[in-house]
N, C-alpha and C. Protein backbone atom coordinates (compact mmCIF):
# COMPACT_ATOMS: atom_id res chain seq x y z
N MET A 1 8.18 4.14 -10.38
CA MET A 1 8.13 3.72 -8.88
C MET A 1 8.73 2.56 -8.57
N HIS A 2 9.63 2.37 -7.71
CA HIS A 2 10.35 1.21 -7.34
C HIS A 2 9.62 0.79 -6.04
N VAL A 3 9.14 -0.47 -6.15
CA VAL A 3 8.51 -1.33 -5.02
C VAL A 3 9.53 -1.97 -4.29
N ILE A 4 9.54 -1.79 -2.93
CA ILE A 4 10.63 -2.54 -2.11
C ILE A 4 9.73 -3.34 -1.23
N ALA A 5 9.41 -4.53 -1.46
CA ALA A 5 8.73 -5.37 -0.43
C ALA A 5 9.50 -6.30 0.27
N SER A 6 9.28 -6.46 1.60
CA SER A 6 9.97 -7.43 2.50
C SER A 6 9.52 -8.74 2.00
N SER A 7 10.21 -9.83 2.25
CA SER A 7 9.93 -11.14 2.07
C SER A 7 8.66 -11.47 2.63
N GLN A 8 8.52 -10.95 4.02
CA GLN A 8 7.22 -11.34 4.74
C GLN A 8 5.96 -10.64 4.22
N ALA A 9 6.14 -9.40 3.76
CA ALA A 9 5.15 -8.64 3.12
C ALA A 9 4.75 -9.59 1.80
N ALA A 10 5.73 -9.82 1.01
CA ALA A 10 5.37 -10.55 -0.22
C ALA A 10 4.65 -11.86 0.00
N ALA A 11 5.05 -12.48 1.11
CA ALA A 11 4.41 -13.77 1.49
C ALA A 11 3.08 -13.53 2.03
N LEU A 12 2.75 -12.54 2.65
CA LEU A 12 1.50 -12.17 3.22
C LEU A 12 0.47 -11.72 2.06
N ILE A 13 0.99 -11.09 1.11
CA ILE A 13 0.23 -10.73 -0.14
C ILE A 13 -0.26 -11.90 -0.89
N GLN A 14 0.71 -12.89 -1.14
CA GLN A 14 0.38 -13.99 -1.84
C GLN A 14 -0.57 -14.90 -0.91
N ALA A 15 -0.38 -14.90 0.37
CA ALA A 15 -1.39 -15.68 1.05
C ALA A 15 -2.79 -15.13 1.15
N THR A 16 -2.98 -13.87 0.89
CA THR A 16 -4.43 -13.22 0.80
C THR A 16 -4.70 -13.05 -0.64
N GLY A 17 -4.39 -13.79 -1.52
CA GLY A 17 -4.86 -13.70 -2.94
C GLY A 17 -3.91 -13.16 -3.93
N GLY A 18 -2.70 -12.64 -3.61
CA GLY A 18 -1.84 -12.10 -4.43
C GLY A 18 -2.07 -10.71 -5.07
N ARG A 19 -2.97 -9.94 -4.53
CA ARG A 19 -3.11 -8.60 -4.84
C ARG A 19 -3.11 -7.75 -3.75
N LEU A 20 -2.59 -6.47 -4.01
CA LEU A 20 -2.54 -5.36 -2.77
C LEU A 20 -3.08 -4.29 -3.38
N TYR A 21 -4.03 -3.55 -2.73
CA TYR A 21 -4.58 -2.28 -3.14
C TYR A 21 -4.24 -1.24 -2.16
N GLY A 22 -3.69 0.04 -2.57
CA GLY A 22 -3.14 1.03 -1.72
C GLY A 22 -3.76 2.42 -2.28
N TRP A 23 -4.06 3.08 -1.11
CA TRP A 23 -4.67 4.45 -1.23
C TRP A 23 -4.42 5.29 -0.10
N PRO A 24 -4.36 6.64 -0.34
CA PRO A 24 -4.09 7.67 0.69
C PRO A 24 -5.31 7.71 1.68
N HIS A 25 -5.03 8.03 2.92
CA HIS A 25 -6.17 8.31 3.83
C HIS A 25 -5.81 9.36 4.78
N ARG A 26 -6.49 10.40 4.88
CA ARG A 26 -6.24 11.53 5.60
C ARG A 26 -6.85 11.52 6.98
N GLY A 27 -6.12 11.35 7.98
CA GLY A 27 -6.54 11.21 9.38
C GLY A 27 -7.42 12.55 9.86
N ARG A 28 -8.06 12.24 10.98
CA ARG A 28 -8.93 13.27 11.65
C ARG A 28 -7.96 13.91 12.79
N CYS A 29 -7.02 13.41 13.12
CA CYS A 29 -6.15 13.95 14.26
C CYS A 29 -4.70 14.36 13.60
N CYS A 30 -3.99 14.81 14.44
CA CYS A 30 -2.45 15.18 13.90
C CYS A 30 -2.56 16.06 12.86
N GLY A 31 -3.28 17.08 12.76
CA GLY A 31 -3.21 18.06 11.61
C GLY A 31 -3.67 17.50 10.21
N GLY A 32 -4.33 16.25 10.27
CA GLY A 32 -4.76 15.82 8.98
C GLY A 32 -3.69 15.14 8.25
N VAL A 33 -2.79 14.30 8.94
CA VAL A 33 -1.60 13.73 8.26
C VAL A 33 -2.28 12.54 7.27
N THR A 34 -1.59 12.56 6.07
CA THR A 34 -2.15 11.51 5.18
C THR A 34 -1.17 10.46 5.24
N VAL A 35 -1.75 9.15 5.30
CA VAL A 35 -0.85 7.99 5.43
C VAL A 35 -1.55 7.11 4.28
N LEU A 36 -0.85 5.90 4.09
CA LEU A 36 -1.33 5.02 2.96
C LEU A 36 -1.99 3.84 3.74
N ARG A 37 -3.02 3.40 3.13
CA ARG A 37 -3.79 2.24 3.70
C ARG A 37 -3.72 1.15 2.64
N THR A 38 -3.65 -0.12 3.01
CA THR A 38 -3.80 -1.17 2.11
C THR A 38 -4.59 -2.25 2.43
N ALA A 39 -5.19 -3.02 1.41
CA ALA A 39 -6.09 -4.10 1.69
C ALA A 39 -5.93 -5.15 0.51
N SER A 40 -6.40 -6.34 0.83
CA SER A 40 -6.27 -7.33 -0.33
C SER A 40 -7.27 -7.32 -1.18
N ARG A 41 -8.33 -6.44 -0.90
CA ARG A 41 -9.60 -6.15 -1.83
C ARG A 41 -9.86 -4.81 -1.84
N PRO A 42 -10.35 -4.43 -2.97
CA PRO A 42 -10.46 -2.84 -3.23
C PRO A 42 -11.67 -2.34 -2.39
N PRO A 43 -11.41 -1.14 -1.75
CA PRO A 43 -12.58 -0.66 -1.11
C PRO A 43 -13.69 -0.02 -2.12
N HIS A 44 -14.87 -0.09 -1.70
CA HIS A 44 -16.03 0.31 -2.67
C HIS A 44 -15.95 1.83 -2.89
N GLY A 45 -16.14 1.98 -4.21
CA GLY A 45 -16.30 3.36 -4.64
C GLY A 45 -14.99 3.99 -5.12
N MET A 46 -13.82 3.27 -5.05
CA MET A 46 -12.54 3.80 -5.46
C MET A 46 -12.16 3.31 -6.84
N ALA A 47 -11.48 4.10 -7.63
CA ALA A 47 -10.98 3.49 -8.96
C ALA A 47 -9.44 3.25 -8.63
N PHE A 48 -8.99 2.18 -9.20
CA PHE A 48 -7.61 1.75 -9.07
C PHE A 48 -6.89 1.53 -10.37
N ARG A 49 -5.56 1.64 -10.39
CA ARG A 49 -4.70 1.47 -11.64
C ARG A 49 -3.70 0.37 -11.25
N PRO A 50 -3.44 -0.65 -12.16
CA PRO A 50 -2.46 -1.57 -11.78
C PRO A 50 -1.05 -1.08 -11.98
N LEU A 51 -0.08 -1.58 -11.27
CA LEU A 51 1.37 -1.11 -11.41
C LEU A 51 2.12 -2.41 -11.71
N ALA A 52 3.19 -2.30 -12.44
CA ALA A 52 4.09 -3.60 -12.54
C ALA A 52 4.82 -3.89 -11.41
N THR A 53 4.85 -5.06 -10.84
CA THR A 53 5.67 -5.54 -9.72
C THR A 53 5.94 -7.00 -9.88
N ASP A 54 6.99 -7.49 -9.23
CA ASP A 54 7.34 -8.81 -9.26
C ASP A 54 6.69 -9.75 -8.22
N GLY A 55 5.94 -10.65 -8.60
CA GLY A 55 5.41 -11.66 -7.43
C GLY A 55 4.14 -11.45 -7.00
N PHE A 56 3.42 -10.21 -7.19
CA PHE A 56 2.01 -10.06 -6.87
C PHE A 56 1.53 -8.89 -7.66
N GLU A 57 0.23 -8.68 -7.59
CA GLU A 57 -0.37 -7.52 -8.36
C GLU A 57 -0.57 -6.39 -7.36
N LEU A 58 -0.01 -5.25 -7.80
CA LEU A 58 -0.13 -3.90 -7.07
C LEU A 58 -1.07 -3.03 -7.71
N HIS A 59 -2.06 -2.50 -7.00
CA HIS A 59 -3.00 -1.54 -7.61
C HIS A 59 -3.06 -0.29 -6.47
N VAL A 60 -2.95 0.90 -7.28
CA VAL A 60 -3.05 2.03 -6.45
C VAL A 60 -4.22 2.93 -7.02
N ARG A 61 -4.67 3.77 -6.09
CA ARG A 61 -5.81 4.63 -6.44
C ARG A 61 -5.44 5.44 -7.73
N ALA A 62 -6.38 5.37 -8.66
CA ALA A 62 -6.02 5.91 -10.14
C ALA A 62 -5.60 7.47 -10.05
N ASP A 63 -5.82 8.20 -9.14
CA ASP A 63 -5.34 9.63 -9.01
C ASP A 63 -4.20 9.91 -8.17
N LEU A 64 -3.58 8.79 -7.73
CA LEU A 64 -2.41 8.93 -6.67
C LEU A 64 -1.24 9.27 -7.45
N ARG A 65 -0.51 10.37 -6.88
CA ARG A 65 0.70 10.72 -7.43
C ARG A 65 1.78 9.62 -6.89
N LEU A 66 2.59 9.16 -7.61
CA LEU A 66 3.47 8.05 -7.24
C LEU A 66 4.67 8.59 -6.45
N PRO A 67 5.13 7.92 -5.42
CA PRO A 67 6.38 8.25 -4.78
C PRO A 67 7.53 7.56 -5.67
N ALA A 68 8.77 8.02 -5.35
CA ALA A 68 9.84 7.34 -6.00
C ALA A 68 10.01 6.03 -5.53
N GLU A 69 9.75 5.62 -4.24
CA GLU A 69 9.82 4.22 -3.71
C GLU A 69 8.51 4.14 -2.93
N LEU A 70 8.01 2.84 -2.99
CA LEU A 70 6.96 2.38 -2.06
C LEU A 70 7.42 1.17 -1.36
N HIS A 71 7.57 1.33 0.05
CA HIS A 71 8.12 0.29 0.94
C HIS A 71 7.03 -0.43 1.60
N LEU A 72 7.00 -1.84 1.42
CA LEU A 72 6.00 -2.64 2.00
C LEU A 72 6.53 -3.54 3.05
N GLU A 73 5.89 -3.56 4.31
CA GLU A 73 6.31 -4.30 5.33
C GLU A 73 5.04 -5.08 5.93
N ALA A 74 5.35 -6.36 6.51
CA ALA A 74 4.30 -7.04 7.15
C ALA A 74 4.30 -6.76 8.57
N ARG A 75 3.00 -6.56 9.12
CA ARG A 75 2.82 -6.47 10.60
C ARG A 75 1.98 -7.48 11.06
N ARG A 76 2.29 -7.94 12.34
CA ARG A 76 1.78 -9.06 12.86
C ARG A 76 0.20 -8.83 13.57
N PHE A 77 0.21 -7.62 14.30
CA PHE A 77 -1.04 -7.46 15.04
C PHE A 77 -1.62 -6.09 14.73
N PRO A 78 -2.69 -6.09 14.20
CA PRO A 78 -3.49 -7.26 13.26
C PRO A 78 -2.59 -7.47 12.04
N ARG A 79 -2.58 -8.57 11.67
CA ARG A 79 -1.80 -9.22 10.49
C ARG A 79 -2.31 -8.34 9.17
N ARG A 80 -1.29 -7.48 8.64
CA ARG A 80 -1.59 -6.62 7.64
C ARG A 80 -0.17 -6.34 6.92
N VAL A 81 -0.42 -5.59 5.79
CA VAL A 81 0.72 -5.00 5.00
C VAL A 81 0.73 -3.50 5.28
N GLU A 82 1.73 -2.88 5.71
CA GLU A 82 1.89 -1.47 5.86
C GLU A 82 2.63 -1.05 4.55
N ALA A 83 2.30 0.17 4.08
CA ALA A 83 2.91 0.87 2.98
C ALA A 83 3.49 2.18 3.51
N TYR A 84 4.74 2.32 3.02
CA TYR A 84 5.43 3.64 3.33
C TYR A 84 5.81 4.33 2.22
N TRP A 85 5.58 5.58 2.03
CA TRP A 85 5.82 6.54 0.97
C TRP A 85 7.20 6.96 0.91
N ASN A 86 8.03 6.63 0.20
CA ASN A 86 9.51 6.89 0.16
C ASN A 86 10.16 6.46 1.62
N GLY A 87 9.62 5.56 2.14
CA GLY A 87 10.09 5.08 3.36
C GLY A 87 9.52 5.67 4.62
N CYS A 88 8.59 6.84 4.39
CA CYS A 88 7.96 7.54 5.47
C CYS A 88 6.50 6.85 5.75
N ALA A 89 6.19 6.93 7.03
CA ALA A 89 4.77 6.50 7.39
C ALA A 89 3.69 7.41 6.70
N TRP A 90 4.04 8.75 6.39
CA TRP A 90 2.99 9.53 5.86
C TRP A 90 3.26 10.00 4.53
N VAL A 91 2.39 10.41 3.85
CA VAL A 91 2.53 11.08 2.38
C VAL A 91 3.13 12.38 2.38
N VAL A 92 4.18 12.48 1.72
CA VAL A 92 4.77 13.89 1.66
C VAL A 92 4.89 14.32 0.19
């Protein structure tokens, strides 16, 4: 998997501890679209595996099928890192 992180996303990850955890989340609306959630700390009850990246530690849910590319962007309100599966907002 190729990780493409904007400079703002990489800076935000570093500012919040240097680790990013990512996992799929299935919504209740919109036909149950699955998106990627991220956090600087792992949610309780999920197992994660580390992936090699430059500049920060990336951990994904242990059973996650990996995309060819994972895009990371910083958002301001609320301040967070958004993850995009092969550039898409939802998991395909």
